[in-house]
Protein backbone atom coordinates (compact mmCIF):
# COMPACT_ATOMS: atom_id res chain seq x y z
CA UNK A 1 277.72 68.24 100.33
CA UNK A 2 278.16 67.10 96.68
CA UNK A 3 279.43 69.72 94.24
CA UNK A 4 278.02 70.01 90.71
CA UNK A 5 279.56 72.18 87.98
CA UNK A 6 277.15 73.58 85.38
CA UNK A 7 278.50 74.29 81.89
CA UNK A 8 276.33 76.77 79.93
CA UNK A 9 275.61 77.13 76.25
CA UNK A 10 276.36 80.13 74.07
CA UNK A 11 273.37 82.33 74.84
CA UNK A 12 274.84 84.02 77.93
CA UNK A 13 278.50 84.61 77.05
CA UNK A 14 279.49 87.80 78.90
CA UNK A 15 283.09 88.59 77.99
CA UNK A 16 283.27 91.60 80.35
CA UNK A 17 283.06 89.44 83.48
CA UNK A 18 285.85 87.19 82.24
CA UNK A 19 288.07 90.16 81.39
CA UNK A 20 287.46 91.62 84.85
CA UNK A 21 288.59 88.45 86.63
CA UNK A 22 291.62 87.89 84.40
CA UNK A 23 293.11 91.39 84.51
CA UNK A 24 296.51 91.77 86.24
CA UNK A 25 296.01 90.74 89.85
CA UNK A 26 292.70 89.02 89.04
CA UNK A 27 291.88 85.71 90.70
CA UNK A 28 291.64 83.80 87.42
CA UNK A 29 294.56 85.28 85.52
CA UNK A 30 297.05 82.46 86.10
CA UNK A 31 294.70 79.59 85.33
CA UNK A 32 293.26 81.48 82.35
CA UNK A 33 296.72 81.86 80.87
CA UNK A 34 297.34 78.12 81.23
CA UNK A 35 294.03 77.24 79.57
CA UNK A 36 294.18 79.77 76.74
CA UNK A 37 297.74 78.86 75.86
CA UNK A 38 296.42 75.34 75.21
CA UNK A 39 293.46 76.73 73.28
CA UNK A 40 295.86 78.80 71.20
CA UNK A 41 297.32 75.62 69.72
CA UNK A 42 293.98 75.51 67.90
CA UNK A 43 293.72 79.21 67.04
CA UNK A 44 297.17 78.89 65.42
CA UNK A 45 296.04 75.89 63.36
CA UNK A 46 293.20 77.93 61.88
CA UNK A 47 294.88 81.35 61.74
CA UNK A 48 292.50 82.85 64.29
CA UNK A 49 293.46 85.61 66.72
CA UNK A 50 295.54 84.19 69.59
CA UNK A 51 293.28 84.39 72.63
CA UNK A 52 295.78 84.38 75.51
CA UNK A 53 297.51 87.65 74.53
CA UNK A 54 294.23 89.19 73.35
CA UNK A 55 292.06 88.41 76.37
CA UNK A 56 294.84 88.89 78.93
CA UNK A 57 296.55 91.81 77.22
CA UNK A 58 296.18 95.55 77.81
CA UNK A 59 293.34 95.93 75.28
CA UNK A 60 290.99 92.92 75.63
CA UNK A 61 288.03 92.69 73.25
CA UNK A 62 284.50 93.70 74.01
CA UNK A 63 281.53 91.51 73.17
CA UNK A 64 280.94 93.03 69.74
CA UNK A 65 284.60 92.82 68.76
CA UNK A 66 284.73 89.16 69.76
CA UNK A 67 281.51 88.41 67.86
CA UNK A 68 282.92 90.06 64.73
CA UNK A 69 286.12 87.99 64.85
CA UNK A 70 286.49 85.03 62.44
CA UNK A 71 284.11 82.10 62.89
CA UNK A 72 285.19 79.93 65.79
CA UNK A 73 286.89 82.66 67.81
CA UNK A 74 283.92 83.31 70.10
CA UNK A 75 283.32 79.59 70.66
CA UNK A 76 286.96 79.01 71.56
CA UNK A 77 286.83 81.95 73.97
CA UNK A 78 283.75 80.51 75.70
CA UNK A 79 285.23 77.01 75.83
CA UNK A 80 288.35 78.46 77.44
CA UNK A 81 286.30 80.50 79.90
CA UNK A 82 284.40 77.41 81.06
CA UNK A 83 287.59 75.40 81.47
CA UNK A 84 289.21 78.29 83.37
CA UNK A 85 286.34 78.66 85.83
CA UNK A 86 286.04 74.89 86.28
CA UNK A 87 289.74 74.59 87.15
CA UNK A 88 289.63 77.56 89.50
CA UNK A 89 286.60 76.11 91.28
CA UNK A 90 288.34 72.74 91.63
CA UNK A 91 291.32 74.46 93.24
CA UNK A 92 289.25 76.52 95.67
CA UNK A 93 286.22 74.33 96.43
CA UNK A 94 287.39 70.80 95.63
CA UNK A 95 286.62 68.40 92.81
CA UNK A 96 282.98 68.14 91.72
CA UNK A 97 281.03 64.93 92.13
CA UNK A 98 279.34 65.52 88.78
CA UNK A 99 279.21 67.87 85.81
CA UNK A 100 276.19 69.02 83.81
CA UNK A 101 276.47 70.27 80.25
CA UNK A 102 273.90 72.38 78.43
CA UNK A 103 274.15 72.42 74.62
CA UNK A 104 277.56 73.86 73.64
CA UNK A 105 278.57 73.46 77.29
CA UNK A 106 278.67 69.70 76.85
CA UNK A 107 282.01 70.05 75.05
CA UNK A 108 283.65 71.71 78.04
CA UNK A 109 281.87 69.38 80.49
CA UNK A 110 283.18 66.28 78.71
CA UNK A 111 286.65 67.81 78.48
CA UNK A 112 286.59 68.62 82.19
CA UNK A 113 285.57 65.02 82.87
CA UNK A 114 288.62 63.76 80.96
CA UNK A 115 286.87 62.41 77.86
CA UNK A 116 288.81 64.79 75.61
CA UNK A 117 292.18 66.49 75.98
CA UNK A 118 291.89 70.26 76.31
CA UNK A 119 293.31 70.91 72.85
CA UNK A 120 290.94 68.37 71.31
CA UNK A 121 288.01 69.86 73.22
CA UNK A 122 288.96 73.20 71.68
CA UNK A 123 289.12 71.59 68.24
CA UNK A 124 285.62 70.19 68.76
CA UNK A 125 284.39 73.66 69.73
CA UNK A 126 285.93 75.04 66.55
CA UNK A 127 284.41 72.24 64.45
CA UNK A 128 280.98 72.99 65.88
CA UNK A 129 281.38 76.69 65.10
CA UNK A 130 282.06 75.85 61.46
CA UNK A 131 278.97 73.66 61.31
CA UNK A 132 276.78 76.24 63.06
CA UNK A 133 277.77 78.75 60.38
CA UNK A 134 275.78 76.57 57.95
CA UNK A 135 272.66 76.43 60.16
CA UNK A 136 270.22 79.08 58.87
CA UNK A 137 267.73 80.83 61.10
CA UNK A 138 268.01 81.84 64.72
CA UNK A 139 266.87 81.41 68.31
CA UNK A 140 264.32 83.39 70.33
CA UNK A 141 263.94 83.44 74.10
CA UNK A 142 260.33 83.53 75.31
CA UNK A 143 259.47 84.36 78.91
CA UNK A 144 256.95 81.57 79.29
CA UNK A 145 256.69 77.85 80.08
CA UNK A 146 257.33 75.23 77.43
CA UNK A 147 253.61 74.48 77.07
CA UNK A 148 252.80 78.12 76.26
CA UNK A 149 255.56 78.30 73.67
CA UNK A 150 254.35 75.12 72.00
CA UNK A 151 250.77 76.43 71.97
CA UNK A 152 251.93 79.58 70.16
CA UNK A 153 253.75 77.48 67.57
CA UNK A 154 250.69 75.27 67.05
CA UNK A 155 248.27 78.19 66.75
CA UNK A 156 250.51 79.78 64.13
CA UNK A 157 250.60 76.46 62.25
CA UNK A 158 254.40 76.53 62.35
CA UNK A 159 254.90 73.02 63.68
CA UNK A 160 258.05 71.63 62.09
CA UNK A 161 259.35 75.10 61.25
CA UNK A 162 259.58 76.71 64.68
CA UNK A 163 260.38 74.22 67.45
CA UNK A 164 261.00 74.29 71.17
CA UNK A 165 264.79 74.19 71.34
CA UNK A 166 265.60 74.71 75.02
CA UNK A 167 263.58 74.64 78.23
CA UNK A 168 265.52 76.59 80.84
CA UNK A 169 262.90 76.53 83.61
CA UNK A 170 259.18 77.13 84.02
CA UNK A 171 259.62 80.78 82.97
CA UNK A 172 261.98 80.55 79.99
CA UNK A 173 261.76 78.64 76.73
CA UNK A 174 263.88 79.09 73.61
CA UNK A 175 262.43 78.55 70.14
CA UNK A 176 264.53 77.69 67.08
CA UNK A 177 263.68 78.05 63.42
CA UNK A 178 263.83 80.12 60.24
CA UNK A 179 263.86 83.88 60.69
CA UNK A 180 260.36 84.38 59.28
CA UNK A 181 258.92 81.76 61.63
CA UNK A 182 260.65 83.34 64.62
CA UNK A 183 259.32 86.77 63.69
CA UNK A 184 255.78 85.35 63.67
CA UNK A 185 256.30 83.68 67.06
CA UNK A 186 257.75 86.88 68.53
CA UNK A 187 254.82 88.96 67.27
CA UNK A 188 252.28 86.49 68.65
CA UNK A 189 254.10 86.32 71.99
CA UNK A 190 254.10 90.09 72.39
CA UNK A 191 250.41 90.09 71.55
CA UNK A 192 249.96 87.90 74.63
CA UNK A 193 252.15 90.22 76.74
CA UNK A 194 255.00 87.73 76.74
CA UNK A 195 258.56 89.00 76.41
CA UNK A 196 260.33 87.71 73.30
CA UNK A 197 264.03 88.36 72.71
CA UNK A 198 266.03 87.24 69.69
CA UNK A 199 269.33 85.80 70.88
CA UNK A 200 272.42 87.41 69.41
CA UNK A 201 273.50 84.17 67.80
CA UNK A 202 273.61 84.01 63.97
CA UNK A 203 272.39 80.43 63.66
CA UNK A 204 269.67 77.98 64.63
CA UNK A 205 270.24 74.87 66.72
CA UNK A 206 268.33 72.10 68.49
CA UNK A 207 266.21 71.75 65.36
CA UNK A 208 265.32 68.45 63.62
CA UNK A 209 265.88 70.11 60.25
CA UNK A 210 269.63 70.20 60.97
CA UNK A 211 270.11 66.46 60.48
CA UNK A 212 272.72 66.88 57.74
CA UNK A 213 274.74 69.34 59.82
CA UNK A 214 274.59 66.96 62.78
CA UNK A 215 276.07 64.17 60.65
CA UNK A 216 278.93 66.42 59.55
CA UNK A 217 279.68 67.38 63.15
CA UNK A 218 279.49 63.79 64.37
CA UNK A 219 282.07 62.70 61.81
CA UNK A 220 284.35 65.59 62.81
CA UNK A 221 284.23 64.58 66.48
CA UNK A 222 285.07 60.97 65.61
CA UNK A 223 288.55 62.14 64.61
CA UNK A 224 289.48 62.71 68.27
CA UNK A 225 290.41 60.07 70.86
CA UNK A 226 287.93 59.56 73.69
CA UNK A 227 289.06 58.56 77.18
CA UNK A 228 286.89 57.15 80.00
CA UNK A 229 284.89 59.72 81.94
CA UNK A 230 286.07 60.65 85.42
CA UNK A 231 283.20 62.47 87.16
CA UNK A 232 279.65 61.69 86.10
CA UNK A 233 278.47 63.92 83.25
CA UNK A 234 274.79 64.81 82.88
CA UNK A 235 273.42 66.04 79.57
CA UNK A 236 270.48 68.42 79.27
CA UNK A 237 269.90 67.08 75.75
CA UNK A 238 270.10 63.38 76.59
CA UNK A 239 268.17 64.05 79.80
CA UNK A 240 270.37 61.71 81.82
CA UNK A 241 273.90 60.84 82.85
CA UNK A 242 276.22 59.47 80.21
CA UNK A 243 277.27 55.84 80.60
CA UNK A 244 280.71 54.27 80.28
CA UNK A 245 279.78 52.89 76.84
CA UNK A 246 278.28 56.14 75.49
CA UNK A 247 278.80 57.07 71.85
CA UNK A 248 279.95 60.60 72.69
CA UNK A 249 280.39 61.87 69.11
CA UNK A 250 276.77 61.00 68.41
CA UNK A 251 275.56 62.48 71.68
CA UNK A 252 277.33 65.77 70.94
CA UNK A 253 275.78 65.81 67.47
CA UNK A 254 272.36 65.31 69.08
CA UNK A 255 272.69 68.84 70.45
CA UNK A 256 272.08 70.16 66.94
CA UNK A 257 268.81 68.30 66.41
CA UNK A 258 267.30 67.52 69.83
CA UNK A 259 265.94 69.91 72.47
CA UNK A 260 267.73 70.75 75.69
CA UNK A 261 265.51 70.39 78.77
CA UNK A 262 267.27 71.60 81.87
CA UNK A 263 264.73 71.12 84.71
CA UNK A 264 264.48 67.33 84.55
CA UNK A 265 268.23 66.74 84.33
CA UNK A 266 268.94 69.21 87.14
CA UNK A 267 266.61 67.29 89.42
CA UNK A 268 268.21 64.04 88.35
CA UNK A 269 271.71 65.34 89.08
CA UNK A 270 270.76 66.55 92.56
CA UNK A 271 268.40 63.66 93.40
CA UNK A 272 266.67 65.55 96.21
CA UNK A 273 269.93 65.71 98.19
CA UNK A 274 271.66 68.80 99.56
CA UNK A 275 274.08 70.03 96.91
CA UNK A 276 276.21 73.02 95.92
CA UNK A 277 276.02 74.00 92.25
CA UNK A 278 278.47 76.33 90.51
CA UNK A 279 278.15 77.78 87.02
CA UNK A 280 281.35 77.08 85.09
CA UNK A 281 280.81 79.95 82.70
CA UNK A 282 281.19 83.73 82.62
CA UNK A 283 277.47 84.52 82.95
CA UNK A 284 274.69 83.79 85.43
CA UNK A 285 271.64 82.76 83.38
CA UNK A 286 272.19 79.03 83.93
CA UNK A 287 272.60 79.56 87.67
CA UNK A 288 269.42 81.63 87.67
CA UNK A 289 267.46 78.81 86.06
CA UNK A 290 268.96 76.31 88.50
CA UNK A 291 267.85 78.47 91.43
CA UNK A 292 264.29 78.56 90.13
CA UNK A 293 264.16 74.83 89.41
CA UNK A 294 265.80 73.72 92.66
CA UNK A 295 264.38 76.34 95.01
CA UNK A 296 264.84 75.17 98.59
CA UNK A 297 267.04 75.54 101.65
CA UNK A 298 269.21 72.47 100.98
CA UNK A 299 270.61 73.52 97.60
CA UNK A 300 272.91 76.46 96.95
CA UNK A 301 273.60 77.78 93.46
CA UNK A 302 276.46 80.11 92.61
CA UNK A 303 277.56 82.04 89.52
CA UNK A 304 281.20 82.88 90.36
CA UNK A 305 281.53 85.56 87.68
CA UNK A 306 277.95 86.77 87.97
CA UNK A 307 277.38 86.92 91.74
CA UNK A 308 278.61 90.08 93.43
CA UNK A 309 281.05 89.27 96.20
CA UNK A 310 281.56 85.61 95.29
CA UNK A 311 284.36 84.28 97.47
CA UNK A 312 286.78 81.92 95.80
């Protein structure tokens, strides 16, 4: 049965689950130390808190403490978490046939596929964090299909301001835009008895108004060498698998200005075959969406740090 690793974006970064699995005696402690020591080459370059001793030490940070750390710290922690879980899964379950990246998760997916060295993947994560700090607005999760979210935007005459940023499944859509536009969308959604939750991310993304920021990020990524991909990498933003001639710096920059649509690329990656999918991240939201999209007896979906009793 083919194995697919799913690399999530930033919206479901649960530091507590990572800390639990990397405490002394934890299953991931050894591989986490290896990964974060590589990531700490980058924290040292930018005078950020060293993550290996912080996350693996006697007093690891909570979510709020990590979020309040200097810009880039949280992104480097998430990048390291994804690489840690990916490596642990490879050791216990075998190498994946393909990888699927969602938004920020594309950086770790491409690194896991060999396109970037781990330290350069971390540098790209840091570069993106710096760019995101210049992206005003925010992101709101709506518990509704994409079509309903777009109808709300149209009825509010906010087209071009608020946009559909991410389609997770037929129950969840994320909207991006200026704060005032998001407040209007949230109010309208609640008026229709739809749950609306502002993500705890201090930036917008997947918005066509971020063209200038995307150009800055693309140029930053071009500073790093790119090697041929090993496993196939699927992109929720591109909506397909990357090719051997792909312009990866541009594709990563697309994540700032183009929407992420998970259902179609999940189906493409599985291709109606039996498959085992594993979330290479510390949360379980991506796995939850995959279960809803690929519901059926032939596909299993696991969130190693989110599923109680997961057996490595």
